[in-house]
C-alpha atoms as a PDB file:
ATOM      1  CA  MET A   1       0.070   0.121  -0.049  1.00  0.00           C
ATOM      2  CA  ALA A   2       1.387   3.510  -0.604  1.00  0.00           C
ATOM      3  CA  THR A   3       1.650   6.047   2.230  1.00  0.00           C
ATOM      4  CA  THR A   4       3.198   9.078   2.631  1.00  0.00           C
ATOM      5  CA  SER A   5       5.602   9.806   5.658  1.00  0.00           C
ATOM      6  CA  PRO A   6       4.067  11.865   8.850  1.00  0.00           C
ATOM      7  CA  ASN A   7       6.755  14.761   8.432  1.00  0.00           C
ATOM      8  CA  PHE A   8       7.253  15.963   4.826  1.00  0.00           C
ATOM      9  CA  GLY A   9       5.200  13.749   2.829  1.00  0.00           C
ATOM     10  CA  PHE A  10       7.506  11.403   1.156  1.00  0.00           C
ATOM     11  CA  PRO A  11       6.244   8.199  -0.716  1.00  0.00           C
ATOM     12  CA  MET A  12       6.247   5.205   1.126  1.00  0.00           C
ATOM     13  CA  ASN A  13       5.186   1.934  -0.007  1.00  0.00           C
ATOM     14  CA  ASP A  14       4.967  -1.530   1.230  1.00  0.00           C
ATOM     15  CA  ASP A  15       2.894  -2.630  -1.653  1.00  0.00           C
ATOM     16  CA  ASP A  16       5.244  -6.102  -3.308  1.00  0.00           C
ATOM     17  CA  GLN A  17       3.240  -5.665  -6.544  1.00  0.00           C
ATOM     18  CA  GLU A  18       4.044  -1.931  -7.496  1.00  0.00           C
ATOM     19  CA  ARG A  19       6.670  -2.258  -9.924  1.00  0.00           C
ATOM     20  CA  PHE A  20      10.351  -1.104  -8.792  1.00  0.00           C
ATOM     21  CA  ILE A  21      10.388   1.584 -11.732  1.00  0.00           C
ATOM     22  CA  ASP A  22       7.370   3.082 -10.855  1.00  0.00           C
ATOM     23  CA  TRP A  23       8.238   3.478  -7.114  1.00  0.00           C
ATOM     24  CA  ARG A  24      11.884   4.680  -7.893  1.00  0.00           C
ATOM     25  CA  LYS A  25      10.093   7.585 -10.451  1.00  0.00           C
ATOM     26  CA  LYS A  26       7.746   8.394  -7.122  1.00  0.00           C
ATOM     27  CA  VAL A  27      11.090   8.689  -5.405  1.00  0.00           C
ATOM     28  CA  ASN A  28      13.259  10.394  -7.264  1.00  0.00           C
ATOM     29  CA  THR A  29      11.386  12.285 -10.190  1.00  0.00           C
ATOM     30  CA  GLY A  30       9.389  15.859 -10.125  1.00  0.00           C
ATOM     31  CA  GLU A  31       8.931  18.463  -7.390  1.00  0.00           C
ATOM     32  CA  GLU A  32       6.624  15.719  -5.612  1.00  0.00           C
ATOM     33  CA  SER A  33       9.411  13.110  -5.069  1.00  0.00           C
ATOM     34  CA  ALA A  34      11.169  12.706  -1.742  1.00  0.00           C
ATOM     35  CA  VAL A  35      14.459  14.252  -3.255  1.00  0.00           C
ATOM     36  CA  TYR A  36      12.972  17.163  -4.263  1.00  0.00           C
ATOM     37  CA  MET A  37      11.207  17.232  -0.752  1.00  0.00           C
ATOM     38  CA  ILE A  38      14.554  16.839   1.220  1.00  0.00           C
ATOM     39  CA  ASP A  39      16.254  19.443  -1.054  1.00  0.00           C
ATOM     40  CA  LYS A  40      13.638  21.925   0.209  1.00  0.00           C
ATOM     41  CA  GLU A  41      13.677  21.262   3.134  1.00  0.00           C
ATOM     42  CA  ILE A  42      17.584  21.515   3.605  1.00  0.00           C
ATOM     43  CA  ALA A  43      17.292  24.565   1.961  1.00  0.00           C
ATOM     44  CA  LYS A  44      15.216  26.433   4.549  1.00  0.00           C
ATOM     45  CA  LYS A  45      17.621  24.961   7.499  1.00  0.00           C
ATOM     46  CA  ASN A  46      20.526  26.567   5.754  1.00  0.00           C
ATOM     47  CA  ASP A  47      18.803  30.008   5.411  1.00  0.00           C
ATOM     48  CA  LYS A  48      18.697  30.219   8.950  1.00  0.00           C
ATOM     49  CA  ILE A  49      22.367  29.909   9.374  1.00  0.00           C
ATOM     50  CA  LYS A  50      24.704  32.689   8.608  1.00  0.00           C
ATOM     51  CA  VAL A  51      28.589  32.294   9.329  1.00  0.00           C
ATOM     52  CA  MET A  52      30.971  35.059   9.497  1.00  0.00           C
ATOM     53  CA  ALA A  53      34.664  35.687   9.802  1.00  0.00           C
ATOM     54  CA  GLY A  54      35.976  38.054  12.281  1.00  0.00           C
ATOM     55  CA  GLU A  55      39.320  39.122  13.963  1.00  0.00           C
ATOM     56  CA  LEU A  56      40.209  39.588  17.077  1.00  0.00           C
ATOM     57  CA  LYS A  57      43.365  42.332  16.914  1.00  0.00           C
ATOM     58  CA  PRO A  58      46.532  42.684  19.275  1.00  0.00           C
ATOM     59  CA  ASP A  59      45.410  46.596  19.394  1.00  0.00           C
ATOM     60  CA  GLY A  60      41.833  46.300  19.711  1.00  0.00           C
ATOM     61  CA  TRP A  61      42.172  44.936  23.624  1.00  0.00           C
ATOM     62  CA  ASP A  62      40.560  47.354  26.421  1.00  0.00           C
ATOM     63  CA  PRO A  63      43.592  46.741  28.960  1.00  0.00           C
ATOM     64  CA  GLU A  64      41.319  47.579  31.838  1.00  0.00           C
ATOM     65  CA  THR A  65      38.378  45.361  30.818  1.00  0.00           C
ATOM     66  CA  LYS A  66      39.909  42.968  28.974  1.00  0.00           C
ATOM     67  CA  THR A  67      37.196  43.073  25.731  1.00  0.00           C
ATOM     68  CA  GLN A  68      37.334  43.568  22.531  1.00  0.00           C
ATOM     69  CA  THR A  69      34.079  44.453  20.190  1.00  0.00           C
ATOM     70  CA  LEU A  70      33.645  43.056  16.389  1.00  0.00           C
ATOM     71  CA  THR A  71      31.121  43.977  14.247  1.00  0.00           C
ATOM     72  CA  PHE A  72      29.133  41.168  12.852  1.00  0.00           C
ATOM     73  CA  ASP A  73      26.181  42.587  10.322  1.00  0.00           C
ATOM     74  CA  GLY A  74      22.797  40.806  11.219  1.00  0.00           C
ATOM     75  CA  LEU A  75      23.762  39.674  14.654  1.00  0.00           C
ATOM     76  CA  THR A  76      20.510  41.030  16.816  1.00  0.00           C
ATOM     77  CA  GLU A  77      20.458  41.277  21.010  1.00  0.00           C
ATOM     78  CA  ASP A  78      18.843  38.223  21.523  1.00  0.00           C
ATOM     79  CA  SER A  79      20.338  36.578  18.301  1.00  0.00           C
ATOM     80  CA  ASN A  80      21.950  32.530  19.009  1.00  0.00           C
ATOM     81  CA  GLY A  81      24.689  31.599  18.130  1.00  0.00           C
ATOM     82  CA  GLU A  82      28.429  29.996  18.469  1.00  0.00           C
ATOM     83  CA  ILE A  83      31.687  31.461  18.297  1.00  0.00           C
ATOM     84  CA  GLY A  84      35.085  29.542  17.609  1.00  0.00           C
ATOM     85  CA  ILE A  85      38.682  30.043  16.353  1.00  0.00           C
ATOM     86  CA  ALA A  86      38.978  29.931  12.561  1.00  0.00           C
ATOM     87  CA  LEU A  87      39.846  26.822  10.740  1.00  0.00           C
ATOM     88  CA  GLY A  88      43.322  28.307   9.080  1.00  0.00           C
ATOM     89  CA  ALA A  89      44.359  29.794  12.915  1.00  0.00           C
ATOM     90  CA  THR A  90      47.952  28.707  12.879  1.00  0.00           C
ATOM     91  CA  THR A  91      49.320  26.947  15.824  1.00  0.00           C
ATOM     92  CA  GLU A  92      50.868  30.051  17.412  1.00  0.00           C
ATOM     93  CA  GLN A  93      47.237  31.839  17.398  1.00  0.00           C
ATOM     94  CA  ARG A  94      45.315  28.769  18.723  1.00  0.00           C
ATOM     95  CA  GLU A  95      48.053  28.542  21.554  1.00  0.00           C
ATOM     96  CA  PHE A  96      47.063  31.972  22.353  1.00  0.00           C
ATOM     97  CA  ALA A  97      43.760  31.602  22.175  1.00  0.00           C
ATOM     98  CA  ARG A  98      43.898  29.056  24.755  1.00  0.00           C
ATOM     99  CA  LYS A  99      45.854  31.264  26.996  1.00  0.00           C
ATOM    100  CA  ALA A 100      43.167  34.011  26.544  1.00  0.00           C
ATOM    101  CA  LYS A 101      40.504  32.128  27.781  1.00  0.00           C
ATOM    102  CA  PHE A 102      37.787  33.891  25.650  1.00  0.00           C
ATOM    103  CA  ALA A 103      34.329  34.084  26.679  1.00  0.00           C
ATOM    104  CA  VAL A 104      31.061  36.016  25.271  1.00  0.00           C
ATOM    105  CA  ALA A 105      31.072  39.218  27.608  1.00  0.00           C
ATOM    106  CA  GLY A 106      27.953  40.711  25.324  1.00  0.00           C
ATOM    107  CA  GLN A 107      25.915  40.763  22.545  1.00  0.00           C
ATOM    108  CA  SER A 108      23.870  44.031  20.953  1.00  0.00           C
ATOM    109  CA  GLU A 109      23.041  45.088  17.452  1.00  0.00           C
ATOM    110  CA  ASN A 110      25.910  44.394  14.911  1.00  0.00           C
ATOM    111  CA  GLN A 111      28.141  44.177  17.967  1.00  0.00           C
ATOM    112  CA  LEU A 112      29.479  40.804  19.982  1.00  0.00           C
ATOM    113  CA  THR A 113      31.944  41.859  22.927  1.00  0.00           C
ATOM    114  CA  ILE A 114      34.618  39.176  23.565  1.00  0.00           C
ATOM    115  CA  MET A 115      36.611  39.125  27.064  1.00  0.00           C
ATOM    116  CA  ALA A 116      39.770  37.592  27.729  1.00  0.00           C
ATOM    117  CA  ASP A 117      39.409  35.606  31.089  1.00  0.00           C
ATOM    118  CA  GLY A 118      43.436  34.710  30.761  1.00  0.00           C
ATOM    119  CA  GLN A 119      46.257  36.356  28.978  1.00  0.00           C
ATOM    120  CA  ILE A 120      45.329  39.285  26.016  1.00  0.00           C
ATOM    121  CA  PRO A 121      46.773  37.985  22.953  1.00  0.00           C
ATOM    122  CA  THR A 122      49.591  39.668  21.286  1.00  0.00           C
ATOM    123  CA  VAL A 123      49.091  38.214  17.895  1.00  0.00           C
ATOM    124  CA  SER A 124      45.898  38.670  15.845  1.00  0.00           C
ATOM    125  CA  VAL A 125      43.296  35.661  16.206  1.00  0.00           C
ATOM    126  CA  PRO A 126      40.684  34.663  13.237  1.00  0.00           C
ATOM    127  CA  VAL A 127      37.462  33.760  14.737  1.00  0.00           C
ATOM    128  CA  VAL A 128      34.235  32.356  12.818  1.00  0.00           C
ATOM    129  CA  LEU A 129      30.633  33.301  13.985  1.00  0.00           C
ATOM    130  CA  ALA A 130      27.659  31.060  13.365  1.00  0.00           C
ATOM    131  CA  ILE A 131      24.047  33.004  13.918  1.00  0.00           C
ATOM    132  CA  PHE A 132      21.159  30.664  14.296  1.00  0.00           C
ATOM    133  CA  ASN A 133      17.981  32.292  13.449  1.00  0.00           C
END
């Protein structure tokens, strides 16, 4: 019997009399196919994640508060996300980042403030921010 999945309506079939070619066409062909529907759902999720690069600069730190504020277009006061050291960071940059013990200290419209709970880095540290809207 032909049925559809409960969440997205993907074609399902437990009818052993239906020819494989007919079932395959339902799964792989046209806008009603499972492949097309899965692709549409994944695209919706990708629209909700925005990834941006930034850089913590050695001369950008406030020595009293041990903070630095970065600008990220699209960040809001209540955005949810994750910031981390960029993939291309050198061994030296990663070592300074570990010694700095970074933490998010504040967030506002297009602004993210990072605090060094440890040592302020004397090298630039590349970061990546992912915002989940």
